Amino acid sequence: MDINAFRKKLLKRAEANRLAFEGQYREQIEGLLGLSREEIDRITPGTTDLETYDQLISLVKEASAENLSQADLKEHIVEMGDIAVSIAKRVPKLASLFL
């Protein structure tokens, strides 16, 4: 692997993460990152929930960086399926989307 290409990729990802944490869903991202493995495993044991959890974090980061509306964020979470909705509901700032 080209080390310069790798560094550029890391810098690009770091910039995207910075934008996400400065966006409107910063608290939601922090809430997701604060969930323990035990909390996630209570939803569904195995790796499916971890994969969904990782995808959900990516979705919320992107939504934050792009200033996506709450309605659109909710729609995307619902499209991810029941596991994603269950994980989102464990974060109060995301759970409010489903009230």
N, C-alpha and C. Protein backbone atom coordinates (compact mmCIF):
# COMPACT_ATOMS: atom_id res chain seq x y z
N MET A 1 0.84 -1.18 0.00
CA MET A 1 0.00 0.00 0.00
C MET A 1 0.89 1.24 0.00
N ASP A 2 0.49 2.21 -0.76
CA ASP A 2 1.20 3.49 -0.85
C ASP A 2 0.97 4.27 0.45
N ILE A 3 2.02 4.57 1.18
CA ILE A 3 1.92 5.24 2.47
C ILE A 3 1.34 6.65 2.33
N ASN A 4 1.65 7.34 1.25
CA ASN A 4 1.11 8.68 1.04
C ASN A 4 -0.39 8.63 0.79
N ALA A 5 -0.83 7.66 0.04
CA ALA A 5 -2.27 7.50 -0.20
C ALA A 5 -2.98 7.16 1.11
N PHE A 6 -2.35 6.34 1.91
CA PHE A 6 -2.91 5.98 3.21
C PHE A 6 -3.03 7.21 4.10
N ARG A 7 -2.00 8.03 4.15
CA ARG A 7 -2.04 9.25 4.97
C ARG A 7 -3.12 10.20 4.49
N LYS A 8 -3.26 10.34 3.19
CA LYS A 8 -4.30 11.21 2.64
C LYS A 8 -5.68 10.71 3.04
N LYS A 9 -5.85 9.40 2.99
CA LYS A 9 -7.13 8.80 3.38
C LYS A 9 -7.42 9.07 4.85
N LEU A 10 -6.40 8.93 5.70
CA LEU A 10 -6.58 9.21 7.13
C LEU A 10 -6.93 10.67 7.38
N LEU A 11 -6.26 11.57 6.68
CA LEU A 11 -6.55 13.00 6.84
C LEU A 11 -7.97 13.32 6.40
N LYS A 12 -8.41 12.71 5.32
CA LYS A 12 -9.76 12.92 4.83
C LYS A 12 -10.78 12.41 5.85
N ARG A 13 -10.53 11.24 6.40
CA ARG A 13 -11.44 10.68 7.41
C ARG A 13 -11.44 11.54 8.67
N ALA A 14 -10.29 12.04 9.08
CA ALA A 14 -10.21 12.90 10.27
C ALA A 14 -11.02 14.18 10.06
N GLU A 15 -10.95 14.75 8.88
CA GLU A 15 -11.73 15.95 8.55
C GLU A 15 -13.22 15.64 8.59
N ALA A 16 -13.62 14.51 8.04
CA ALA A 16 -15.04 14.12 8.07
C ALA A 16 -15.51 13.92 9.50
N ASN A 17 -14.69 13.31 10.34
CA ASN A 17 -15.05 13.12 11.74
C ASN A 17 -15.18 14.46 12.47
N ARG A 18 -14.28 15.37 12.17
CA ARG A 18 -14.34 16.70 12.79
C ARG A 18 -15.64 17.38 12.43
N LEU A 19 -16.01 17.34 11.16
CA LEU A 19 -17.26 17.95 10.71
C LEU A 19 -18.47 17.31 11.39
N ALA A 20 -18.42 16.00 11.55
CA ALA A 20 -19.53 15.30 12.20
C ALA A 20 -19.68 15.74 13.64
N PHE A 21 -18.56 15.85 14.35
CA PHE A 21 -18.63 16.22 15.76
C PHE A 21 -18.93 17.69 15.96
N GLU A 22 -18.81 18.49 14.92
CA GLU A 22 -19.19 19.89 15.01
C GLU A 22 -20.62 20.11 14.52
N GLY A 23 -21.24 19.09 13.95
CA GLY A 23 -22.57 19.21 13.38
C GLY A 23 -23.68 19.12 14.41
N GLN A 24 -24.90 19.15 13.92
CA GLN A 24 -26.07 19.21 14.78
C GLN A 24 -26.34 17.94 15.57
N TYR A 25 -25.74 16.81 15.19
CA TYR A 25 -25.99 15.55 15.88
C TYR A 25 -24.81 15.11 16.74
N ARG A 26 -24.01 16.05 17.18
CA ARG A 26 -22.84 15.77 18.01
C ARG A 26 -23.23 14.98 19.27
N GLU A 27 -24.27 15.42 19.95
CA GLU A 27 -24.68 14.74 21.18
C GLU A 27 -25.19 13.33 20.91
N GLN A 28 -25.84 13.14 19.77
CA GLN A 28 -26.32 11.81 19.41
C GLN A 28 -25.14 10.87 19.14
N ILE A 29 -24.11 11.38 18.48
CA ILE A 29 -22.92 10.58 18.21
C ILE A 29 -22.26 10.20 19.53
N GLU A 30 -22.12 11.16 20.41
CA GLU A 30 -21.52 10.89 21.71
C GLU A 30 -22.33 9.84 22.47
N GLY A 31 -23.65 9.93 22.38
CA GLY A 31 -24.51 8.96 23.04
C GLY A 31 -24.32 7.56 22.49
N LEU A 32 -24.24 7.46 21.17
CA LEU A 32 -24.00 6.15 20.55
C LEU A 32 -22.65 5.58 20.97
N LEU A 33 -21.63 6.42 20.94
CA LEU A 33 -20.29 5.96 21.29
C LEU A 33 -20.20 5.57 22.76
N GLY A 34 -21.11 6.08 23.58
CA GLY A 34 -21.12 5.77 25.00
C GLY A 34 -21.82 4.47 25.36
N LEU A 35 -22.48 3.85 24.38
CA LEU A 35 -23.15 2.58 24.67
C LEU A 35 -22.13 1.48 24.92
N SER A 36 -22.41 0.66 25.88
CA SER A 36 -21.50 -0.45 26.18
C SER A 36 -21.83 -1.65 25.29
N ARG A 37 -20.89 -2.55 25.22
CA ARG A 37 -21.10 -3.80 24.47
C ARG A 37 -22.27 -4.58 25.06
N GLU A 38 -22.40 -4.55 26.39
CA GLU A 38 -23.51 -5.24 27.05
C GLU A 38 -24.86 -4.68 26.62
N GLU A 39 -24.94 -3.35 26.52
CA GLU A 39 -26.20 -2.72 26.10
C GLU A 39 -26.57 -3.14 24.68
N ILE A 40 -25.58 -3.20 23.84
CA ILE A 40 -25.82 -3.59 22.45
C ILE A 40 -26.19 -5.06 22.37
N ASP A 41 -25.49 -5.90 23.13
CA ASP A 41 -25.77 -7.34 23.12
C ASP A 41 -27.16 -7.67 23.66
N ARG A 42 -27.73 -6.80 24.48
CA ARG A 42 -29.09 -7.03 24.98
C ARG A 42 -30.11 -6.96 23.85
N ILE A 43 -29.77 -6.28 22.79
CA ILE A 43 -30.70 -6.15 21.66
C ILE A 43 -30.72 -7.46 20.88
N THR A 44 -29.57 -7.89 20.41
CA THR A 44 -29.43 -9.19 19.75
C THR A 44 -28.02 -9.67 19.96
N PRO A 45 -27.83 -10.83 20.54
CA PRO A 45 -26.47 -11.33 20.70
C PRO A 45 -25.85 -11.69 19.35
N GLY A 46 -24.56 -11.62 19.28
CA GLY A 46 -23.87 -11.95 18.04
C GLY A 46 -23.28 -10.72 17.40
N THR A 47 -22.85 -10.88 16.17
CA THR A 47 -22.16 -9.78 15.50
C THR A 47 -23.09 -8.89 14.68
N THR A 48 -24.30 -9.35 14.39
CA THR A 48 -25.21 -8.54 13.58
C THR A 48 -25.46 -7.19 14.22
N ASP A 49 -25.66 -7.18 15.54
CA ASP A 49 -25.92 -5.92 16.22
C ASP A 49 -24.70 -5.01 16.19
N LEU A 50 -23.50 -5.57 16.28
CA LEU A 50 -22.29 -4.75 16.22
C LEU A 50 -22.09 -4.13 14.84
N GLU A 51 -22.38 -4.90 13.81
CA GLU A 51 -22.28 -4.36 12.46
C GLU A 51 -23.29 -3.23 12.27
N THR A 52 -24.50 -3.44 12.74
CA THR A 52 -25.55 -2.42 12.63
C THR A 52 -25.17 -1.20 13.45
N TYR A 53 -24.64 -1.42 14.65
CA TYR A 53 -24.20 -0.33 15.52
C TYR A 53 -23.15 0.51 14.81
N ASP A 54 -22.18 -0.12 14.19
CA ASP A 54 -21.13 0.60 13.47
C ASP A 54 -21.73 1.39 12.29
N GLN A 55 -22.64 0.78 11.57
CA GLN A 55 -23.29 1.46 10.45
C GLN A 55 -24.13 2.64 10.93
N LEU A 56 -24.79 2.46 12.08
CA LEU A 56 -25.60 3.54 12.64
C LEU A 56 -24.73 4.73 13.04
N ILE A 57 -23.59 4.46 13.65
CA ILE A 57 -22.67 5.55 13.98
C ILE A 57 -22.24 6.29 12.71
N SER A 58 -21.90 5.55 11.68
CA SER A 58 -21.50 6.17 10.41
C SER A 58 -22.63 7.02 9.84
N LEU A 59 -23.84 6.49 9.90
CA LEU A 59 -25.00 7.23 9.39
C LEU A 59 -25.19 8.54 10.15
N VAL A 60 -25.15 8.49 11.47
CA VAL A 60 -25.37 9.70 12.27
C VAL A 60 -24.24 10.69 12.08
N LYS A 61 -23.01 10.21 11.94
CA LYS A 61 -21.88 11.11 11.65
C LYS A 61 -22.10 11.82 10.32
N GLU A 62 -22.49 11.07 9.31
CA GLU A 62 -22.72 11.68 7.99
C GLU A 62 -23.88 12.66 8.04
N ALA A 63 -24.94 12.28 8.74
CA ALA A 63 -26.10 13.16 8.88
C ALA A 63 -25.71 14.46 9.58
N SER A 64 -24.84 14.35 10.57
CA SER A 64 -24.38 15.53 11.29
C SER A 64 -23.52 16.42 10.40
N ALA A 65 -22.61 15.82 9.68
CA ALA A 65 -21.73 16.60 8.80
C ALA A 65 -22.51 17.28 7.69
N GLU A 66 -23.60 16.64 7.24
CA GLU A 66 -24.40 17.18 6.14
C GLU A 66 -25.61 17.99 6.61
N ASN A 67 -25.77 18.14 7.94
CA ASN A 67 -26.91 18.84 8.50
C ASN A 67 -28.24 18.30 7.98
N LEU A 68 -28.35 17.00 7.96
CA LEU A 68 -29.57 16.32 7.52
C LEU A 68 -30.69 16.62 8.50
N SER A 69 -31.89 16.74 8.00
CA SER A 69 -33.04 17.01 8.88
C SER A 69 -33.30 15.81 9.78
N GLN A 70 -33.98 16.06 10.90
CA GLN A 70 -34.32 14.98 11.81
C GLN A 70 -35.23 13.96 11.15
N ALA A 71 -36.16 14.44 10.33
CA ALA A 71 -37.07 13.52 9.62
C ALA A 71 -36.28 12.60 8.69
N ASP A 72 -35.32 13.16 7.98
CA ASP A 72 -34.51 12.35 7.07
C ASP A 72 -33.62 11.37 7.84
N LEU A 73 -33.06 11.82 8.97
CA LEU A 73 -32.25 10.93 9.78
C LEU A 73 -33.10 9.77 10.27
N LYS A 74 -34.27 10.07 10.79
CA LYS A 74 -35.17 9.01 11.26
C LYS A 74 -35.48 8.03 10.13
N GLU A 75 -35.79 8.54 8.96
CA GLU A 75 -36.10 7.69 7.81
C GLU A 75 -34.95 6.74 7.49
N HIS A 76 -33.74 7.26 7.51
CA HIS A 76 -32.57 6.42 7.22
C HIS A 76 -32.35 5.36 8.30
N ILE A 77 -32.59 5.73 9.54
CA ILE A 77 -32.45 4.75 10.63
C ILE A 77 -33.48 3.65 10.46
N VAL A 78 -34.72 4.02 10.17
CA VAL A 78 -35.78 3.03 9.96
C VAL A 78 -35.43 2.11 8.79
N GLU A 79 -34.87 2.66 7.72
CA GLU A 79 -34.47 1.86 6.56
C GLU A 79 -33.41 0.83 6.94
N MET A 80 -32.61 1.11 7.96
CA MET A 80 -31.58 0.17 8.40
C MET A 80 -32.18 -1.05 9.10
N GLY A 81 -33.39 -0.92 9.60
CA GLY A 81 -34.07 -2.06 10.20
C GLY A 81 -34.29 -1.95 11.70
N ASP A 82 -34.93 -2.98 12.23
CA ASP A 82 -35.34 -2.99 13.64
C ASP A 82 -34.17 -2.91 14.62
N ILE A 83 -33.07 -3.56 14.29
CA ILE A 83 -31.92 -3.52 15.20
C ILE A 83 -31.39 -2.09 15.31
N ALA A 84 -31.29 -1.39 14.20
CA ALA A 84 -30.81 -0.01 14.22
C ALA A 84 -31.76 0.88 15.03
N VAL A 85 -33.05 0.68 14.85
CA VAL A 85 -34.03 1.46 15.60
C VAL A 85 -33.89 1.17 17.09
N SER A 86 -33.73 -0.11 17.44
CA SER A 86 -33.57 -0.48 18.85
C SER A 86 -32.32 0.15 19.46
N ILE A 87 -31.23 0.15 18.72
CA ILE A 87 -30.00 0.77 19.22
C ILE A 87 -30.21 2.27 19.37
N ALA A 88 -30.80 2.91 18.36
CA ALA A 88 -31.04 4.35 18.41
C ALA A 88 -31.90 4.73 19.61
N LYS A 89 -32.86 3.91 19.94
CA LYS A 89 -33.76 4.20 21.05
C LYS A 89 -33.06 4.13 22.40
N ARG A 90 -31.86 3.58 22.45
CA ARG A 90 -31.09 3.52 23.70
C ARG A 90 -30.35 4.83 23.96
N VAL A 91 -30.35 5.73 22.97
CA VAL A 91 -29.72 7.04 23.11
C VAL A 91 -30.84 8.07 23.19
N PRO A 92 -31.02 8.71 24.34
CA PRO A 92 -32.16 9.62 24.51
C PRO A 92 -32.33 10.65 23.39
N LYS A 93 -31.23 11.22 22.92
CA LYS A 93 -31.33 12.24 21.87
C LYS A 93 -31.78 11.64 20.53
N LEU A 94 -31.57 10.36 20.31
CA LEU A 94 -32.08 9.70 19.11
C LEU A 94 -33.46 9.11 19.37
N ALA A 95 -33.69 8.64 20.58
CA ALA A 95 -34.99 8.05 20.93
C ALA A 95 -36.11 9.06 20.71
N SER A 96 -35.82 10.33 20.92
CA SER A 96 -36.85 11.36 20.75
C SER A 96 -37.36 11.44 19.32
N LEU A 97 -36.59 10.94 18.36
CA LEU A 97 -37.06 10.91 16.97
C LEU A 97 -38.22 9.94 16.79
N PHE A 98 -38.33 8.97 17.69
CA PHE A 98 -39.31 7.89 17.52
C PHE A 98 -40.52 8.04 18.43
N LEU A 99 -40.68 9.19 19.06
CA LEU A 99 -41.84 9.41 19.93
C LEU A 99 -43.05 9.82 19.13
